[in-house]
Amino acid sequence: MKNNNAIVQFLVFIFCSSFTLAFGSPASAMELTADEIVQKSNKVDKIPSWSSKNTMRLISRGGSERIRESVNYNKLDKNGHDTMRLIRFTSPADIKGTNILIHEHSDGSDDIWTYLPSMKKVRRLVAGNKKDSFVGTDFSYTDIITPKVQDYSHTLLRRESLNGIPCFVIESIPRTEEVKKNTGYAKTVTWIRIDNFVRIKSEMYDPSGMLYKIMQVSSVKEVDRQRGKWLVEKVEMRNIETGHSTIITFNNIKVGEALDHKLFLPNRLDQE
């Protein structure tokens, strides 16, 4: 009998150890709700300030490419939660001088302004523009803005490994028709890493329920180990309907730069 008990205890130990290695602490993994997982994921890239130089590759179904380059400035608002983001396009010539300014608001509607040098005018986008293409790429404005937890009904579908990385798989469905209309998505299924809460894959479904786009992250960078902060280095968005895709690479990432608050003012968007 003692030998049988010893064998049972050994098997339980092996099972628990294997689960911990694959999915982290069993207790912590089981205790988290879907909303809490999404909240943690939303905070993983919230750092006081950072900048980068970006390369965008727009790839057609046939394989032809167009290259766009930009600089990206990010700064947390005074509340310490919401990000202000400025994107300035530097090439090619037909898009150079185009600037995008985003103010995220976790407790309200986000603000988006664009400046097109051909029009010499700053334009403020409305909520319905969020589903529009982000400067002709396969990303929409919705895709580059932090989703509001309260706007969606989140469900933890399962835990599974993606490319050998243990993940939570979360389904997010808009709580209102307005959110569904403004984002252009009926639902999103997201793979969130269990170890650091970084989103590494998302499937977006159109209003009819058909798979529309797939986003995949292939490289991330840890920028603050003590606080568990990570930034995406390379991400691809693929449009299932058109076969077109966009790959964005974030180069020369600099964290902790002193970025003047005036850089993020709408009335300065037309300045170099």
C-alpha atoms as a PDB file:
ATOM      1  CA  MET A   1       0.000   0.000   0.000  1.00  0.00           C
ATOM      2  CA  LYS A   2       2.831   2.393   0.860  1.00  0.00           C
ATOM      3  CA  ASN A   3       4.477   1.697  -2.469  1.00  0.00           C
ATOM      4  CA  ASN A   4       1.210   2.456  -4.295  1.00  0.00           C
ATOM      5  CA  ASN A   5       0.830   5.745  -2.402  1.00  0.00           C
ATOM      6  CA  ALA A   6       4.390   6.683  -3.249  1.00  0.00           C
ATOM      7  CA  ILE A   7       3.765   5.994  -6.939  1.00  0.00           C
ATOM      8  CA  VAL A   8       0.582   8.102  -6.924  1.00  0.00           C
ATOM      9  CA  GLN A   9       2.355  10.996  -5.221  1.00  0.00           C
ATOM     10  CA  PHE A  10       5.196  10.762  -7.734  1.00  0.00           C
ATOM     11  CA  LEU A  11       2.780  10.866 -10.697  1.00  0.00           C
ATOM     12  CA  VAL A  12       0.946  13.861  -9.209  1.00  0.00           C
ATOM     13  CA  PHE A  13       4.275  15.629  -8.768  1.00  0.00           C
ATOM     14  CA  ILE A  14       5.274  14.960 -12.376  1.00  0.00           C
ATOM     15  CA  PHE A  15       1.881  16.169 -13.678  1.00  0.00           C
ATOM     16  CA  CYS A  16       1.966  19.386 -11.656  1.00  0.00           C
ATOM     17  CA  SER A  17       5.581  20.078 -12.590  1.00  0.00           C
ATOM     18  CA  SER A  18       4.834  19.574 -16.295  1.00  0.00           C
ATOM     19  CA  PHE A  19       1.788  21.858 -16.107  1.00  0.00           C
ATOM     20  CA  THR A  20       3.812  24.556 -14.361  1.00  0.00           C
ATOM     21  CA  LEU A  21       6.554  24.434 -16.967  1.00  0.00           C
ATOM     22  CA  ALA A  22       4.047  24.660 -19.800  1.00  0.00           C
ATOM     23  CA  PHE A  23       1.591  27.187 -18.446  1.00  0.00           C
ATOM     24  CA  GLY A  24       3.156  28.882 -15.436  1.00  0.00           C
ATOM     25  CA  SER A  25       1.781  28.632 -11.923  1.00  0.00           C
ATOM     26  CA  PRO A  26      -1.423  26.497 -11.993  1.00  0.00           C
ATOM     27  CA  ALA A  27      -3.012  28.614  -9.265  1.00  0.00           C
ATOM     28  CA  SER A  28      -2.313  31.952 -10.949  1.00  0.00           C
ATOM     29  CA  ALA A  29      -3.397  30.652 -14.371  1.00  0.00           C
ATOM     30  CA  MET A  30      -6.681  29.286 -13.025  1.00  0.00           C
ATOM     31  CA  GLU A  31      -7.487  32.386 -10.975  1.00  0.00           C
ATOM     32  CA  LEU A  32      -7.290  34.927 -13.791  1.00  0.00           C
ATOM     33  CA  THR A  33     -10.536  35.868 -15.504  1.00  0.00           C
ATOM     34  CA  ALA A  34     -10.676  36.765 -19.206  1.00  0.00           C
ATOM     35  CA  ASP A  35     -11.139  40.447 -18.319  1.00  0.00           C
ATOM     36  CA  GLU A  36      -8.086  40.376 -16.039  1.00  0.00           C
ATOM     37  CA  ILE A  37      -5.965  38.741 -18.739  1.00  0.00           C
ATOM     38  CA  VAL A  38      -6.939  41.427 -21.260  1.00  0.00           C
ATOM     39  CA  GLN A  39      -6.298  44.182 -18.706  1.00  0.00           C
ATOM     40  CA  LYS A  40      -2.803  42.840 -18.043  1.00  0.00           C
ATOM     41  CA  SER A  41      -2.172  42.593 -21.781  1.00  0.00           C
ATOM     42  CA  ASN A  42      -3.272  46.201 -22.290  1.00  0.00           C
ATOM     43  CA  LYS A  43      -0.692  47.378 -19.744  1.00  0.00           C
ATOM     44  CA  VAL A  44       2.292  45.395 -20.989  1.00  0.00           C
ATOM     45  CA  ASP A  45       3.544  48.180 -23.313  1.00  0.00           C
ATOM     46  CA  LYS A  46       2.596  51.124 -21.102  1.00  0.00           C
ATOM     47  CA  ILE A  47       5.921  52.834 -20.440  1.00  0.00           C
ATOM     48  CA  PRO A  48       6.570  56.557 -19.834  1.00  0.00           C
ATOM     49  CA  SER A  49       8.063  57.211 -23.274  1.00  0.00           C
ATOM     50  CA  TRP A  50       9.636  55.494 -26.252  1.00  0.00           C
ATOM     51  CA  SER A  51      10.374  56.063 -29.918  1.00  0.00           C
ATOM     52  CA  SER A  52      11.306  54.022 -32.965  1.00  0.00           C
ATOM     53  CA  LYS A  53      11.977  54.119 -36.685  1.00  0.00           C
ATOM     54  CA  ASN A  54       9.461  52.011 -38.569  1.00  0.00           C
ATOM     55  CA  THR A  55       9.563  50.184 -41.867  1.00  0.00           C
ATOM     56  CA  MET A  56       6.273  49.137 -43.458  1.00  0.00           C
ATOM     57  CA  ARG A  57       6.250  46.526 -46.221  1.00  0.00           C
ATOM     58  CA  LEU A  58       2.985  46.436 -48.165  1.00  0.00           C
ATOM     59  CA  ILE A  59       2.864  43.123 -50.023  1.00  0.00           C
ATOM     60  CA  SER A  60       0.331  42.260 -52.726  1.00  0.00           C
ATOM     61  CA  ARG A  61      -1.122  38.798 -53.365  1.00  0.00           C
ATOM     62  CA  GLY A  62       1.331  38.448 -56.248  1.00  0.00           C
ATOM     63  CA  GLY A  63       4.322  39.322 -54.083  1.00  0.00           C
ATOM     64  CA  SER A  64       5.075  42.856 -55.247  1.00  0.00           C
ATOM     65  CA  GLU A  65       6.127  45.220 -52.462  1.00  0.00           C
ATOM     66  CA  ARG A  66       5.927  48.867 -51.525  1.00  0.00           C
ATOM     67  CA  ILE A  67       8.061  50.268 -48.716  1.00  0.00           C
ATOM     68  CA  ARG A  68       7.097  53.077 -46.356  1.00  0.00           C
ATOM     69  CA  GLU A  69       9.169  54.537 -43.547  1.00  0.00           C
ATOM     70  CA  SER A  70       8.156  56.559 -40.512  1.00  0.00           C
ATOM     71  CA  VAL A  71       9.227  57.656 -37.051  1.00  0.00           C
ATOM     72  CA  ASN A  72       7.076  56.859 -34.058  1.00  0.00           C
ATOM     73  CA  TYR A  73       6.890  58.771 -30.749  1.00  0.00           C
ATOM     74  CA  ASN A  74       4.954  57.481 -27.738  1.00  0.00           C
ATOM     75  CA  LYS A  75       4.343  59.077 -24.358  1.00  0.00           C
ATOM     76  CA  LEU A  76       2.031  58.262 -21.464  1.00  0.00           C
ATOM     77  CA  ASP A  77      -0.501  60.949 -20.683  1.00  0.00           C
ATOM     78  CA  LYS A  78      -0.443  62.655 -17.289  1.00  0.00           C
ATOM     79  CA  ASN A  79      -2.860  60.040 -15.914  1.00  0.00           C
ATOM     80  CA  GLY A  80      -0.180  57.366 -16.418  1.00  0.00           C
ATOM     81  CA  HIS A  81      -2.554  55.058 -18.304  1.00  0.00           C
ATOM     82  CA  ASP A  82      -3.331  56.440 -21.747  1.00  0.00           C
ATOM     83  CA  THR A  83      -0.846  56.675 -24.591  1.00  0.00           C
ATOM     84  CA  MET A  84      -0.272  59.636 -26.865  1.00  0.00           C
ATOM     85  CA  ARG A  85       1.238  58.544 -30.189  1.00  0.00           C
ATOM     86  CA  LEU A  86       2.702  60.576 -33.052  1.00  0.00           C
ATOM     87  CA  ILE A  87       3.613  58.919 -36.358  1.00  0.00           C
ATOM     88  CA  ARG A  88       5.498  60.949 -38.965  1.00  0.00           C
ATOM     89  CA  PHE A  89       6.020  59.438 -42.418  1.00  0.00           C
ATOM     90  CA  THR A  90       9.429  60.168 -43.939  1.00  0.00           C
ATOM     91  CA  SER A  91       9.317  58.222 -47.244  1.00  0.00           C
ATOM     92  CA  PRO A  92       8.501  57.646 -50.054  1.00  0.00           C
ATOM     93  CA  ALA A  93       7.840  61.080 -51.522  1.00  0.00           C
ATOM     94  CA  ASP A  94       4.104  60.532 -52.079  1.00  0.00           C
ATOM     95  CA  ILE A  95       3.481  60.064 -48.349  1.00  0.00           C
ATOM     96  CA  LYS A  96       6.340  62.043 -46.820  1.00  0.00           C
ATOM     97  CA  GLY A  97       5.042  64.715 -44.446  1.00  0.00           C
ATOM     98  CA  THR A  98       1.867  62.802 -43.580  1.00  0.00           C
ATOM     99  CA  ASN A  99       1.448  62.830 -39.799  1.00  0.00           C
ATOM    100  CA  ILE A 100      -0.907  60.891 -37.536  1.00  0.00           C
ATOM    101  CA  LEU A 101      -1.632  61.847 -33.913  1.00  0.00           C
ATOM    102  CA  ILE A 102      -3.531  59.552 -31.541  1.00  0.00           C
ATOM    103  CA  HIS A 103      -4.669  60.259 -27.990  1.00  0.00           C
ATOM    104  CA  GLU A 104      -6.025  57.128 -26.332  1.00  0.00           C
ATOM    105  CA  HIS A 105      -8.622  57.472 -23.573  1.00  0.00           C
ATOM    106  CA  SER A 106      -9.375  54.410 -21.462  1.00  0.00           C
ATOM    107  CA  ASP A 107     -12.524  56.043 -20.076  1.00  0.00           C
ATOM    108  CA  GLY A 108     -13.836  57.650 -23.262  1.00  0.00           C
ATOM    109  CA  SER A 109     -13.559  57.985 -27.028  1.00  0.00           C
ATOM    110  CA  ASP A 110     -10.080  58.113 -28.516  1.00  0.00           C
ATOM    111  CA  ASP A 111      -8.954  61.172 -30.475  1.00  0.00           C
ATOM    112  CA  ILE A 112      -7.286  60.802 -33.881  1.00  0.00           C
ATOM    113  CA  TRP A 113      -5.957  63.605 -36.068  1.00  0.00           C
ATOM    114  CA  THR A 114      -4.286  63.383 -39.480  1.00  0.00           C
ATOM    115  CA  TYR A 115      -2.270  65.887 -41.443  1.00  0.00           C
ATOM    116  CA  LEU A 116      -1.915  65.494 -45.213  1.00  0.00           C
ATOM    117  CA  PRO A 117       0.668  67.862 -46.780  1.00  0.00           C
ATOM    118  CA  SER A 118      -1.286  67.943 -50.056  1.00  0.00           C
ATOM    119  CA  MET A 119      -4.287  69.435 -48.236  1.00  0.00           C
ATOM    120  CA  LYS A 120      -2.237  71.474 -45.741  1.00  0.00           C
ATOM    121  CA  LYS A 121      -4.935  70.839 -43.184  1.00  0.00           C
ATOM    122  CA  VAL A 122      -5.280  68.969 -39.894  1.00  0.00           C
ATOM    123  CA  ARG A 123      -8.326  66.703 -39.949  1.00  0.00           C
ATOM    124  CA  ARG A 124      -9.944  65.097 -36.922  1.00  0.00           C
ATOM    125  CA  LEU A 125     -11.350  61.617 -37.480  1.00  0.00           C
ATOM    126  CA  VAL A 126     -14.700  60.539 -36.046  1.00  0.00           C
ATOM    127  CA  ALA A 127     -15.424  57.232 -34.293  1.00  0.00           C
ATOM    128  CA  GLY A 128     -16.711  55.675 -37.506  1.00  0.00           C
ATOM    129  CA  ASN A 129     -13.303  56.198 -39.142  1.00  0.00           C
ATOM    130  CA  LYS A 130     -11.629  53.723 -36.792  1.00  0.00           C
ATOM    131  CA  LYS A 131     -12.372  50.837 -39.157  1.00  0.00           C
ATOM    132  CA  ASP A 132     -10.710  52.695 -42.055  1.00  0.00           C
ATOM    133  CA  SER A 133      -7.331  51.613 -43.369  1.00  0.00           C
ATOM    134  CA  PHE A 134      -4.372  53.108 -41.548  1.00  0.00           C
ATOM    135  CA  VAL A 135      -2.648  55.074 -44.313  1.00  0.00           C
ATOM    136  CA  GLY A 136      -3.375  52.450 -46.973  1.00  0.00           C
ATOM    137  CA  THR A 137      -2.028  49.487 -44.976  1.00  0.00           C
ATOM    138  CA  ASP A 138      -3.845  46.310 -43.913  1.00  0.00           C
ATOM    139  CA  PHE A 139      -4.039  47.705 -40.390  1.00  0.00           C
ATOM    140  CA  SER A 140      -7.047  49.820 -39.438  1.00  0.00           C
ATOM    141  CA  TYR A 141      -6.981  52.565 -36.830  1.00  0.00           C
ATOM    142  CA  THR A 142      -8.767  50.098 -34.538  1.00  0.00           C
ATOM    143  CA  ASP A 143      -5.822  47.707 -34.878  1.00  0.00           C
ATOM    144  CA  ILE A 144      -3.245  50.223 -33.629  1.00  0.00           C
ATOM    145  CA  ILE A 145      -5.251  51.535 -30.661  1.00  0.00           C
ATOM    146  CA  THR A 146      -5.430  49.760 -27.303  1.00  0.00           C
ATOM    147  CA  PRO A 147      -8.875  48.102 -27.067  1.00  0.00           C
ATOM    148  CA  LYS A 148     -11.052  49.135 -24.135  1.00  0.00           C
ATOM    149  CA  VAL A 149     -11.766  46.199 -21.839  1.00  0.00           C
ATOM    150  CA  GLN A 150     -15.247  47.467 -20.990  1.00  0.00           C
ATOM    151  CA  ASP A 151     -16.306  47.648 -24.659  1.00  0.00           C
ATOM    152  CA  TYR A 152     -16.170  43.879 -25.087  1.00  0.00           C
ATOM    153  CA  SER A 153     -17.445  40.668 -23.566  1.00  0.00           C
ATOM    154  CA  HIS A 154     -14.310  38.562 -23.063  1.00  0.00           C
ATOM    155  CA  THR A 155     -14.275  34.769 -22.788  1.00  0.00           C
ATOM    156  CA  LEU A 156     -11.301  32.523 -22.059  1.00  0.00           C
ATOM    157  CA  LEU A 157     -11.761  29.819 -24.695  1.00  0.00           C
ATOM    158  CA  ARG A 158      -8.778  27.649 -23.817  1.00  0.00           C
ATOM    159  CA  ARG A 159      -5.079  27.491 -23.108  1.00  0.00           C
ATOM    160  CA  GLU A 160      -2.833  26.246 -25.886  1.00  0.00           C
ATOM    161  CA  SER A 161       0.680  26.612 -27.255  1.00  0.00           C
ATOM    162  CA  LEU A 162       1.354  28.711 -30.336  1.00  0.00           C
ATOM    163  CA  ASN A 163       4.749  28.099 -31.933  1.00  0.00           C
ATOM    164  CA  GLY A 164       5.779  26.438 -28.679  1.00  0.00           C
ATOM    165  CA  ILE A 165       4.642  29.381 -26.511  1.00  0.00           C
ATOM    166  CA  PRO A 166       1.859  28.729 -23.947  1.00  0.00           C
ATOM    167  CA  CYS A 167      -1.016  31.164 -24.486  1.00  0.00           C
ATOM    168  CA  PHE A 168      -4.429  32.163 -23.252  1.00  0.00           C
ATOM    169  CA  VAL A 169      -6.919  32.202 -26.139  1.00  0.00           C
ATOM    170  CA  ILE A 170      -9.457  34.978 -25.585  1.00  0.00           C
ATOM    171  CA  GLU A 171     -12.623  35.681 -27.577  1.00  0.00           C
ATOM    172  CA  SER A 172     -13.748  39.320 -27.502  1.00  0.00           C
ATOM    173  CA  ILE A 173     -17.209  40.307 -28.741  1.00  0.00           C
ATOM    174  CA  PRO A 174     -18.400  43.942 -28.880  1.00  0.00           C
ATOM    175  CA  ARG A 175     -20.947  44.706 -26.181  1.00  0.00           C
ATOM    176  CA  THR A 176     -22.857  47.157 -28.376  1.00  0.00           C
ATOM    177  CA  GLU A 177     -23.743  47.538 -32.037  1.00  0.00           C
ATOM    178  CA  GLU A 178     -21.989  50.908 -31.980  1.00  0.00           C
ATOM    179  CA  VAL A 179     -18.645  49.348 -31.028  1.00  0.00           C
ATOM    180  CA  LYS A 180     -19.151  46.649 -33.667  1.00  0.00           C
ATOM    181  CA  LYS A 181     -19.931  49.265 -36.317  1.00  0.00           C
ATOM    182  CA  ASN A 182     -17.042  51.583 -35.419  1.00  0.00           C
ATOM    183  CA  THR A 183     -14.414  48.836 -35.294  1.00  0.00           C
ATOM    184  CA  GLY A 184     -15.709  46.806 -38.229  1.00  0.00           C
ATOM    185  CA  TYR A 185     -15.297  43.537 -36.308  1.00  0.00           C
ATOM    186  CA  ALA A 186     -17.974  41.158 -35.050  1.00  0.00           C
ATOM    187  CA  LYS A 187     -15.430  39.461 -32.824  1.00  0.00           C
ATOM    188  CA  THR A 188     -11.723  39.000 -32.255  1.00  0.00           C
ATOM    189  CA  VAL A 189      -9.906  35.886 -31.058  1.00  0.00           C
ATOM    190  CA  THR A 190      -6.530  36.667 -29.495  1.00  0.00           C
ATOM    191  CA  TRP A 191      -3.577  34.551 -28.366  1.00  0.00           C
ATOM    192  CA  ILE A 192      -1.972  36.167 -25.304  1.00  0.00           C
ATOM    193  CA  ARG A 193       1.280  34.776 -23.943  1.00  0.00           C
ATOM    194  CA  ILE A 194       0.938  33.375 -20.438  1.00  0.00           C
ATOM    195  CA  ASP A 195       4.467  34.356 -19.383  1.00  0.00           C
ATOM    196  CA  ASN A 196       4.371  38.063 -20.284  1.00  0.00           C
ATOM    197  CA  PHE A 197       0.794  38.818 -21.506  1.00  0.00           C
ATOM    198  CA  VAL A 198       1.948  40.014 -24.947  1.00  0.00           C
ATOM    199  CA  ARG A 199      -0.571  39.521 -27.765  1.00  0.00           C
ATOM    200  CA  ILE A 200       1.108  37.415 -30.437  1.00  0.00           C
ATOM    201  CA  LYS A 201      -1.823  36.567 -32.693  1.00  0.00           C
ATOM    202  CA  SER A 202      -5.312  37.883 -33.389  1.00  0.00           C
ATOM    203  CA  GLU A 203      -8.034  36.712 -35.744  1.00  0.00           C
ATOM    204  CA  MET A 204     -10.540  39.415 -36.724  1.00  0.00           C
ATOM    205  CA  TYR A 205     -13.993  38.493 -37.995  1.00  0.00           C
ATOM    206  CA  ASP A 206     -16.127  40.809 -40.144  1.00  0.00           C
ATOM    207  CA  PRO A 207     -19.752  41.756 -39.331  1.00  0.00           C
ATOM    208  CA  SER A 208     -21.024  38.672 -41.193  1.00  0.00           C
ATOM    209  CA  GLY A 209     -18.892  36.426 -38.973  1.00  0.00           C
ATOM    210  CA  MET A 210     -16.325  35.503 -41.631  1.00  0.00           C
ATOM    211  CA  LEU A 211     -12.592  35.473 -40.871  1.00  0.00           C
ATOM    212  CA  TYR A 212     -11.344  38.796 -42.233  1.00  0.00           C
ATOM    213  CA  LYS A 213      -7.774  39.434 -41.063  1.00  0.00           C
ATOM    214  CA  ILE A 214      -5.016  37.704 -39.107  1.00  0.00           C
ATOM    215  CA  MET A 215      -2.409  39.571 -37.102  1.00  0.00           C
ATOM    216  CA  GLN A 216       0.784  37.814 -36.012  1.00  0.00           C
ATOM    217  CA  VAL A 217       3.713  39.080 -33.955  1.00  0.00           C
ATOM    218  CA  SER A 218       7.053  37.444 -34.756  1.00  0.00           C
ATOM    219  CA  SER A 219       9.395  39.427 -32.503  1.00  0.00           C
ATOM    220  CA  VAL A 220       9.068  41.188 -29.145  1.00  0.00           C
ATOM    221  CA  LYS A 221      11.540  43.041 -26.953  1.00  0.00           C
ATOM    222  CA  GLU A 222      11.672  43.174 -23.158  1.00  0.00           C
ATOM    223  CA  VAL A 223      12.303  46.819 -22.212  1.00  0.00           C
ATOM    224  CA  ASP A 224      11.718  46.765 -18.431  1.00  0.00           C
ATOM    225  CA  ARG A 225      12.151  43.401 -16.703  1.00  0.00           C
ATOM    226  CA  GLN A 226      11.325  44.714 -13.239  1.00  0.00           C
ATOM    227  CA  ARG A 227       7.928  46.036 -14.321  1.00  0.00           C
ATOM    228  CA  GLY A 228       7.241  43.387 -16.957  1.00  0.00           C
ATOM    229  CA  LYS A 229       7.146  45.760 -19.940  1.00  0.00           C
ATOM    230  CA  TRP A 230       7.506  44.559 -23.531  1.00  0.00           C
ATOM    231  CA  LEU A 231       7.308  46.145 -26.974  1.00  0.00           C
ATOM    232  CA  VAL A 232       6.555  44.555 -30.333  1.00  0.00           C
ATOM    233  CA  GLU A 233       9.448  44.598 -32.800  1.00  0.00           C
ATOM    234  CA  LYS A 234       7.777  42.962 -35.814  1.00  0.00           C
ATOM    235  CA  VAL A 235       4.120  42.401 -36.659  1.00  0.00           C
ATOM    236  CA  GLU A 236       2.221  41.294 -39.761  1.00  0.00           C
ATOM    237  CA  MET A 237      -1.412  41.881 -40.704  1.00  0.00           C
ATOM    238  CA  ARG A 238      -2.831  39.658 -43.446  1.00  0.00           C
ATOM    239  CA  ASN A 239      -6.125  40.349 -45.202  1.00  0.00           C
ATOM    240  CA  ILE A 240      -7.792  37.016 -45.950  1.00  0.00           C
ATOM    241  CA  GLU A 241     -10.161  38.489 -48.539  1.00  0.00           C
ATOM    242  CA  THR A 242      -7.568  40.295 -50.673  1.00  0.00           C
ATOM    243  CA  GLY A 243      -4.435  38.239 -49.993  1.00  0.00           C
ATOM    244  CA  HIS A 244      -2.649  41.525 -49.248  1.00  0.00           C
ATOM    245  CA  SER A 245      -0.468  41.912 -46.172  1.00  0.00           C
ATOM    246  CA  THR A 246       1.477  44.557 -44.274  1.00  0.00           C
ATOM    247  CA  ILE A 247       4.583  43.908 -42.179  1.00  0.00           C
ATOM    248  CA  ILE A 248       5.727  46.585 -39.733  1.00  0.00           C
ATOM    249  CA  THR A 249       9.209  46.436 -38.213  1.00  0.00           C
ATOM    250  CA  PHE A 250      10.063  48.720 -35.299  1.00  0.00           C
ATOM    251  CA  ASN A 251      13.763  49.584 -35.499  1.00  0.00           C
ATOM    252  CA  ASN A 252      16.095  51.553 -33.240  1.00  0.00           C
ATOM    253  CA  ILE A 253      13.686  51.429 -30.291  1.00  0.00           C
ATOM    254  CA  LYS A 254      14.654  53.986 -27.643  1.00  0.00           C
ATOM    255  CA  VAL A 255      13.026  53.841 -24.219  1.00  0.00           C
ATOM    256  CA  GLY A 256      12.911  56.674 -21.690  1.00  0.00           C
ATOM    257  CA  GLU A 257      13.572  59.571 -24.051  1.00  0.00           C
ATOM    258  CA  ALA A 258      12.503  63.008 -22.835  1.00  0.00           C
ATOM    259  CA  LEU A 259       9.654  63.781 -25.242  1.00  0.00           C
ATOM    260  CA  ASP A 260       8.169  67.258 -24.992  1.00  0.00           C
ATOM    261  CA  HIS A 261       4.419  67.224 -24.322  1.00  0.00           C
ATOM    262  CA  LYS A 262       4.044  69.889 -27.045  1.00  0.00           C
ATOM    263  CA  LEU A 263       5.031  67.255 -29.606  1.00  0.00           C
ATOM    264  CA  PHE A 264       1.612  65.677 -29.078  1.00  0.00           C
ATOM    265  CA  LEU A 265      -0.532  68.779 -29.525  1.00  0.00           C
ATOM    266  CA  PRO A 266      -2.971  68.707 -32.482  1.00  0.00           C
ATOM    267  CA  ASN A 267      -2.198  72.311 -33.457  1.00  0.00           C
ATOM    268  CA  ARG A 268       1.448  71.352 -34.022  1.00  0.00           C
ATOM    269  CA  LEU A 269       0.702  68.363 -36.258  1.00  0.00           C
ATOM    270  CA  ASP A 270       1.526  70.345 -39.409  1.00  0.00           C
ATOM    271  CA  GLN A 271       5.041  71.123 -38.171  1.00  0.00           C
ATOM    272  CA  GLU A 272       8.218  69.173 -38.898  1.00  0.00           C
END
